[in-house]
Amino acid sequence: MFSAAVSVGAAVEDRRIQLELPLFPGYVFVRMALRDRVQVLQLSGVVHLVSFGGKPAALPEAEIEALRNGLAGQSQCGTASLPYVGRRVRVRTGSVAGLEGILVRRKQKFRVCFRFS
């Protein structure tokens, strides 16, 4: 089992502290035989296995090792603040590049809503 974590600095009142935050919140990498998936799903906190087309997704061992090695070597990485519905965003390319709007979701697609005065 492997849970990728990064160390980040945070300000708390009058001092700074280091926190260990998950690089992929809510995900743990496990090595298991497919026949053991029912036992894994019965563990406390496990909701489901990541799958595509109904089949559990497998990451190549080389990718897991590269992630471990990168984190052990103190590579500069961290968690990203991804846009969420309701957040103010700026369009970077296209005919409305530079305009700011609010991220909305309509019919399973993300859109930017602009307000003009």
N, C-alpha and C. Protein backbone atom coordinates (compact mmCIF):
# COMPACT_ATOMS: atom_id res chain seq x y z
N MET A 1 0.85 -1.17 0.00
CA MET A 1 0.00 0.00 0.00
C MET A 1 0.89 1.23 0.00
N PHE A 2 0.48 2.25 -0.74
CA PHE A 2 1.27 3.47 -0.86
C PHE A 2 0.34 4.66 -1.00
N SER A 3 0.54 5.66 -0.16
CA SER A 3 -0.22 6.90 -0.24
C SER A 3 0.78 8.03 -0.44
N ALA A 4 0.77 8.64 -1.60
CA ALA A 4 1.72 9.71 -1.92
C ALA A 4 1.37 10.96 -1.12
N ALA A 5 2.36 11.53 -0.43
CA ALA A 5 2.14 12.74 0.36
C ALA A 5 3.26 13.73 0.11
N VAL A 6 2.94 15.01 0.26
CA VAL A 6 3.93 16.08 0.12
C VAL A 6 3.94 16.92 1.38
N SER A 7 5.08 17.50 1.67
CA SER A 7 5.22 18.36 2.83
C SER A 7 5.04 19.81 2.38
N VAL A 8 4.12 20.51 3.03
CA VAL A 8 3.86 21.91 2.69
C VAL A 8 3.91 22.76 3.95
N GLY A 9 4.34 23.99 3.79
CA GLY A 9 4.38 24.91 4.92
C GLY A 9 3.03 25.60 5.08
N ALA A 10 2.66 25.86 6.33
CA ALA A 10 1.41 26.54 6.61
C ALA A 10 1.61 27.50 7.77
N ALA A 11 0.92 28.63 7.73
CA ALA A 11 1.00 29.60 8.81
C ALA A 11 -0.09 29.29 9.82
N VAL A 12 0.31 29.18 11.08
CA VAL A 12 -0.62 28.94 12.17
C VAL A 12 -0.34 29.97 13.25
N GLU A 13 -1.29 30.88 13.42
CA GLU A 13 -1.16 31.98 14.38
C GLU A 13 0.19 32.69 14.21
N ASP A 14 1.13 32.49 15.13
CA ASP A 14 2.38 33.25 15.10
C ASP A 14 3.58 32.43 14.61
N ARG A 15 3.34 31.28 14.01
CA ARG A 15 4.45 30.44 13.56
C ARG A 15 4.08 29.69 12.29
N ARG A 16 5.09 29.10 11.68
CA ARG A 16 4.89 28.28 10.49
C ARG A 16 5.11 26.82 10.86
N ILE A 17 4.29 25.95 10.30
CA ILE A 17 4.44 24.53 10.55
C ILE A 17 4.50 23.79 9.22
N GLN A 18 4.99 22.58 9.24
CA GLN A 18 5.02 21.72 8.05
C GLN A 18 3.90 20.69 8.18
N LEU A 19 3.13 20.55 7.14
CA LEU A 19 2.04 19.58 7.10
C LEU A 19 2.32 18.55 6.01
N GLU A 20 1.93 17.33 6.26
CA GLU A 20 1.97 16.29 5.24
C GLU A 20 0.58 16.19 4.64
N LEU A 21 0.45 16.53 3.37
CA LEU A 21 -0.84 16.47 2.69
C LEU A 21 -0.79 15.43 1.59
N PRO A 22 -1.90 14.74 1.38
CA PRO A 22 -1.93 13.74 0.30
C PRO A 22 -1.80 14.41 -1.06
N LEU A 23 -0.98 13.83 -1.89
CA LEU A 23 -0.83 14.34 -3.25
C LEU A 23 -2.08 14.04 -4.08
N PHE A 24 -2.70 12.92 -3.79
CA PHE A 24 -3.95 12.51 -4.44
C PHE A 24 -4.98 12.23 -3.34
N PRO A 25 -5.64 13.26 -2.84
CA PRO A 25 -6.59 13.06 -1.73
C PRO A 25 -7.64 12.00 -2.06
N GLY A 26 -7.85 11.09 -1.14
CA GLY A 26 -8.85 10.05 -1.31
C GLY A 26 -8.38 8.81 -2.04
N TYR A 27 -7.11 8.79 -2.46
CA TYR A 27 -6.60 7.64 -3.21
C TYR A 27 -5.43 6.99 -2.49
N VAL A 28 -5.40 5.66 -2.54
CA VAL A 28 -4.28 4.88 -2.02
C VAL A 28 -3.94 3.87 -3.11
N PHE A 29 -2.66 3.70 -3.36
CA PHE A 29 -2.23 2.72 -4.35
C PHE A 29 -2.00 1.39 -3.65
N VAL A 30 -2.56 0.32 -4.19
CA VAL A 30 -2.39 -1.01 -3.60
C VAL A 30 -1.94 -1.98 -4.67
N ARG A 31 -1.16 -2.95 -4.23
CA ARG A 31 -0.78 -4.06 -5.11
C ARG A 31 -1.58 -5.25 -4.61
N MET A 32 -2.41 -5.79 -5.48
CA MET A 32 -3.27 -6.90 -5.07
C MET A 32 -3.63 -7.75 -6.27
N ALA A 33 -3.99 -8.96 -5.98
CA ALA A 33 -4.51 -9.85 -7.02
C ALA A 33 -5.98 -9.50 -7.22
N LEU A 34 -6.44 -9.56 -8.45
CA LEU A 34 -7.83 -9.23 -8.74
C LEU A 34 -8.80 -10.07 -7.91
N ARG A 35 -8.42 -11.29 -7.62
CA ARG A 35 -9.31 -12.16 -6.84
C ARG A 35 -9.50 -11.65 -5.40
N ASP A 36 -8.62 -10.74 -4.95
CA ASP A 36 -8.71 -10.20 -3.59
C ASP A 36 -9.49 -8.89 -3.51
N ARG A 37 -10.08 -8.46 -4.61
CA ARG A 37 -10.73 -7.14 -4.61
C ARG A 37 -11.90 -7.06 -3.63
N VAL A 38 -12.62 -8.14 -3.43
CA VAL A 38 -13.75 -8.11 -2.49
C VAL A 38 -13.24 -7.85 -1.07
N GLN A 39 -12.13 -8.49 -0.70
CA GLN A 39 -11.55 -8.26 0.63
C GLN A 39 -11.09 -6.81 0.78
N VAL A 40 -10.51 -6.24 -0.26
CA VAL A 40 -10.05 -4.85 -0.21
C VAL A 40 -11.25 -3.92 -0.07
N LEU A 41 -12.32 -4.18 -0.81
CA LEU A 41 -13.50 -3.34 -0.76
C LEU A 41 -14.21 -3.39 0.60
N GLN A 42 -13.95 -4.43 1.38
CA GLN A 42 -14.56 -4.56 2.70
C GLN A 42 -13.78 -3.81 3.78
N LEU A 43 -12.59 -3.29 3.44
CA LEU A 43 -11.80 -2.54 4.41
C LEU A 43 -12.48 -1.22 4.74
N SER A 44 -12.35 -0.78 5.97
CA SER A 44 -12.93 0.47 6.41
C SER A 44 -12.36 1.64 5.61
N GLY A 45 -13.22 2.48 5.08
CA GLY A 45 -12.80 3.66 4.34
C GLY A 45 -12.68 3.44 2.85
N VAL A 46 -12.66 2.20 2.39
CA VAL A 46 -12.57 1.94 0.95
C VAL A 46 -13.96 2.02 0.35
N VAL A 47 -14.11 2.87 -0.65
CA VAL A 47 -15.41 3.05 -1.29
C VAL A 47 -15.50 2.21 -2.56
N HIS A 48 -14.50 2.34 -3.42
CA HIS A 48 -14.45 1.54 -4.64
C HIS A 48 -13.06 1.60 -5.24
N LEU A 49 -12.83 0.73 -6.19
CA LEU A 49 -11.57 0.71 -6.93
C LEU A 49 -11.73 1.58 -8.16
N VAL A 50 -10.70 2.31 -8.52
CA VAL A 50 -10.74 3.10 -9.75
C VAL A 50 -10.79 2.11 -10.91
N SER A 51 -11.74 2.32 -11.80
CA SER A 51 -11.88 1.40 -12.92
C SER A 51 -12.29 2.15 -14.18
N PHE A 52 -12.03 1.53 -15.29
CA PHE A 52 -12.41 2.05 -16.60
C PHE A 52 -13.11 0.93 -17.35
N GLY A 53 -14.28 1.22 -17.84
CA GLY A 53 -15.04 0.19 -18.56
C GLY A 53 -15.38 -1.00 -17.68
N GLY A 54 -15.54 -0.77 -16.39
CA GLY A 54 -15.89 -1.84 -15.47
C GLY A 54 -14.73 -2.72 -15.04
N LYS A 55 -13.52 -2.39 -15.48
CA LYS A 55 -12.35 -3.18 -15.11
C LYS A 55 -11.42 -2.32 -14.25
N PRO A 56 -10.93 -2.88 -13.13
CA PRO A 56 -10.02 -2.09 -12.28
C PRO A 56 -8.83 -1.57 -13.07
N ALA A 57 -8.48 -0.31 -12.82
CA ALA A 57 -7.36 0.33 -13.50
C ALA A 57 -6.06 -0.07 -12.82
N ALA A 58 -5.08 -0.42 -13.62
CA ALA A 58 -3.78 -0.80 -13.08
C ALA A 58 -2.73 0.20 -13.55
N LEU A 59 -1.90 0.65 -12.63
CA LEU A 59 -0.78 1.52 -12.98
C LEU A 59 0.46 0.66 -13.11
N PRO A 60 1.27 0.91 -14.11
CA PRO A 60 2.52 0.16 -14.24
C PRO A 60 3.42 0.39 -13.01
N GLU A 61 4.07 -0.65 -12.57
CA GLU A 61 4.96 -0.56 -11.40
C GLU A 61 6.01 0.53 -11.59
N ALA A 62 6.47 0.73 -12.82
CA ALA A 62 7.48 1.75 -13.09
C ALA A 62 6.95 3.15 -12.75
N GLU A 63 5.66 3.40 -12.98
CA GLU A 63 5.09 4.72 -12.66
C GLU A 63 5.00 4.93 -11.15
N ILE A 64 4.63 3.88 -10.43
CA ILE A 64 4.57 3.98 -8.96
C ILE A 64 5.97 4.24 -8.41
N GLU A 65 6.96 3.51 -8.91
CA GLU A 65 8.34 3.70 -8.44
C GLU A 65 8.86 5.10 -8.79
N ALA A 66 8.52 5.60 -9.97
CA ALA A 66 8.93 6.95 -10.34
C ALA A 66 8.31 7.98 -9.39
N LEU A 67 7.07 7.78 -9.01
CA LEU A 67 6.41 8.67 -8.06
C LEU A 67 7.09 8.59 -6.70
N ARG A 68 7.35 7.39 -6.23
CA ARG A 68 8.05 7.22 -4.94
C ARG A 68 9.42 7.88 -4.96
N ASN A 69 10.18 7.64 -6.02
CA ASN A 69 11.53 8.20 -6.13
C ASN A 69 11.49 9.73 -6.21
N GLY A 70 10.54 10.25 -6.95
CA GLY A 70 10.41 11.70 -7.07
C GLY A 70 10.09 12.34 -5.73
N LEU A 71 9.21 11.72 -4.96
CA LEU A 71 8.85 12.25 -3.65
C LEU A 71 10.00 12.10 -2.66
N ALA A 72 10.73 10.99 -2.74
CA ALA A 72 11.86 10.77 -1.83
C ALA A 72 13.00 11.73 -2.12
N GLY A 73 13.15 12.13 -3.39
CA GLY A 73 14.22 13.05 -3.78
C GLY A 73 13.85 14.50 -3.55
N GLN A 74 12.76 14.74 -2.85
CA GLN A 74 12.32 16.10 -2.54
C GLN A 74 12.09 16.94 -3.79
N SER A 75 11.59 16.31 -4.84
CA SER A 75 11.24 17.07 -6.04
C SER A 75 10.20 18.11 -5.69
N GLN A 76 10.22 19.22 -6.40
CA GLN A 76 9.25 20.26 -6.15
C GLN A 76 7.91 19.85 -6.74
N CYS A 77 7.01 19.47 -5.88
CA CYS A 77 5.66 19.15 -6.32
C CYS A 77 4.71 19.50 -5.20
N GLY A 78 3.48 19.60 -5.52
CA GLY A 78 2.50 19.94 -4.51
C GLY A 78 1.10 19.69 -5.03
N THR A 79 0.14 19.99 -4.20
CA THR A 79 -1.23 19.80 -4.60
C THR A 79 -1.67 21.01 -5.42
N ALA A 80 -2.49 20.76 -6.37
CA ALA A 80 -2.99 21.84 -7.22
C ALA A 80 -4.36 22.28 -6.76
N SER A 81 -4.61 23.55 -6.87
CA SER A 81 -5.92 24.08 -6.55
C SER A 81 -6.71 24.10 -7.85
N LEU A 82 -7.50 23.08 -8.07
CA LEU A 82 -8.25 22.98 -9.31
C LEU A 82 -9.50 23.85 -9.24
N PRO A 83 -9.94 24.36 -10.38
CA PRO A 83 -11.16 25.16 -10.37
C PRO A 83 -12.36 24.32 -9.93
N TYR A 84 -13.27 24.93 -9.23
CA TYR A 84 -14.48 24.26 -8.80
C TYR A 84 -15.67 25.14 -9.19
N VAL A 85 -16.83 24.53 -9.26
CA VAL A 85 -18.04 25.24 -9.65
C VAL A 85 -18.26 26.40 -8.68
N GLY A 86 -18.48 27.58 -9.23
CA GLY A 86 -18.68 28.77 -8.42
C GLY A 86 -17.43 29.63 -8.27
N ARG A 87 -16.30 29.10 -8.69
CA ARG A 87 -15.04 29.83 -8.56
C ARG A 87 -14.86 30.80 -9.73
N ARG A 88 -14.26 31.95 -9.44
CA ARG A 88 -13.93 32.93 -10.48
C ARG A 88 -12.72 32.41 -11.24
N VAL A 89 -12.82 32.38 -12.57
CA VAL A 89 -11.74 31.88 -13.43
C VAL A 89 -11.48 32.89 -14.53
N ARG A 90 -10.28 32.81 -15.13
CA ARG A 90 -9.91 33.67 -16.25
C ARG A 90 -9.63 32.79 -17.47
N VAL A 91 -10.22 33.17 -18.60
CA VAL A 91 -10.01 32.43 -19.85
C VAL A 91 -8.63 32.78 -20.38
N ARG A 92 -7.85 31.75 -20.72
CA ARG A 92 -6.47 31.97 -21.16
C ARG A 92 -6.29 32.02 -22.67
N THR A 93 -7.15 31.35 -23.40
CA THR A 93 -7.00 31.33 -24.86
C THR A 93 -8.37 31.48 -25.52
N GLY A 94 -8.36 31.78 -26.81
CA GLY A 94 -9.60 31.88 -27.57
C GLY A 94 -10.08 33.30 -27.72
N SER A 95 -11.27 33.43 -28.26
CA SER A 95 -11.80 34.75 -28.58
C SER A 95 -12.14 35.59 -27.35
N VAL A 96 -12.32 34.98 -26.21
CA VAL A 96 -12.63 35.73 -24.98
C VAL A 96 -11.46 35.67 -23.99
N ALA A 97 -10.26 35.43 -24.50
CA ALA A 97 -9.07 35.35 -23.63
C ALA A 97 -8.94 36.62 -22.80
N GLY A 98 -8.65 36.43 -21.52
CA GLY A 98 -8.46 37.55 -20.61
C GLY A 98 -9.69 37.91 -19.82
N LEU A 99 -10.87 37.49 -20.28
CA LEU A 99 -12.09 37.79 -19.53
C LEU A 99 -12.21 36.87 -18.32
N GLU A 100 -12.81 37.39 -17.26
CA GLU A 100 -13.06 36.60 -16.06
C GLU A 100 -14.53 36.27 -15.96
N GLY A 101 -14.82 35.10 -15.44
CA GLY A 101 -16.21 34.67 -15.26
C GLY A 101 -16.29 33.68 -14.12
N ILE A 102 -17.45 33.11 -13.94
CA ILE A 102 -17.70 32.13 -12.89
C ILE A 102 -17.87 30.76 -13.55
N LEU A 103 -17.19 29.76 -13.00
CA LEU A 103 -17.28 28.41 -13.53
C LEU A 103 -18.62 27.79 -13.12
N VAL A 104 -19.36 27.31 -14.11
CA VAL A 104 -20.65 26.66 -13.87
C VAL A 104 -20.66 25.30 -14.56
N ARG A 105 -21.61 24.47 -14.18
CA ARG A 105 -21.75 23.16 -14.82
C ARG A 105 -23.17 23.04 -15.34
N ARG A 106 -23.30 22.78 -16.62
CA ARG A 106 -24.59 22.61 -17.27
C ARG A 106 -24.54 21.35 -18.12
N LYS A 107 -25.50 20.48 -17.91
CA LYS A 107 -25.62 19.24 -18.69
C LYS A 107 -24.29 18.48 -18.73
N GLN A 108 -23.68 18.27 -17.59
CA GLN A 108 -22.45 17.50 -17.44
C GLN A 108 -21.24 18.12 -18.13
N LYS A 109 -21.30 19.40 -18.47
CA LYS A 109 -20.17 20.10 -19.08
C LYS A 109 -19.87 21.36 -18.29
N PHE A 110 -18.60 21.70 -18.21
CA PHE A 110 -18.20 22.92 -17.53
C PHE A 110 -18.25 24.09 -18.51
N ARG A 111 -18.73 25.23 -18.02
CA ARG A 111 -18.82 26.44 -18.83
C ARG A 111 -18.42 27.62 -17.96
N VAL A 112 -18.08 28.72 -18.63
CA VAL A 112 -17.76 29.95 -17.90
C VAL A 112 -18.90 30.93 -18.16
N CYS A 113 -19.43 31.45 -17.08
CA CYS A 113 -20.53 32.41 -17.16
C CYS A 113 -19.97 33.81 -16.98
N PHE A 114 -20.22 34.69 -17.94
CA PHE A 114 -19.73 36.07 -17.88
C PHE A 114 -20.87 36.99 -17.48
N ARG A 115 -20.53 38.01 -16.72
CA ARG A 115 -21.51 39.04 -16.35
C ARG A 115 -21.00 40.38 -16.87
N PHE A 116 -21.81 41.03 -17.67
CA PHE A 116 -21.44 42.33 -18.21
C PHE A 116 -22.31 43.41 -17.59
N SER A 117 -21.70 44.51 -17.20
CA SER A 117 -22.47 45.62 -16.59
C SER A 117 -22.96 46.58 -17.64
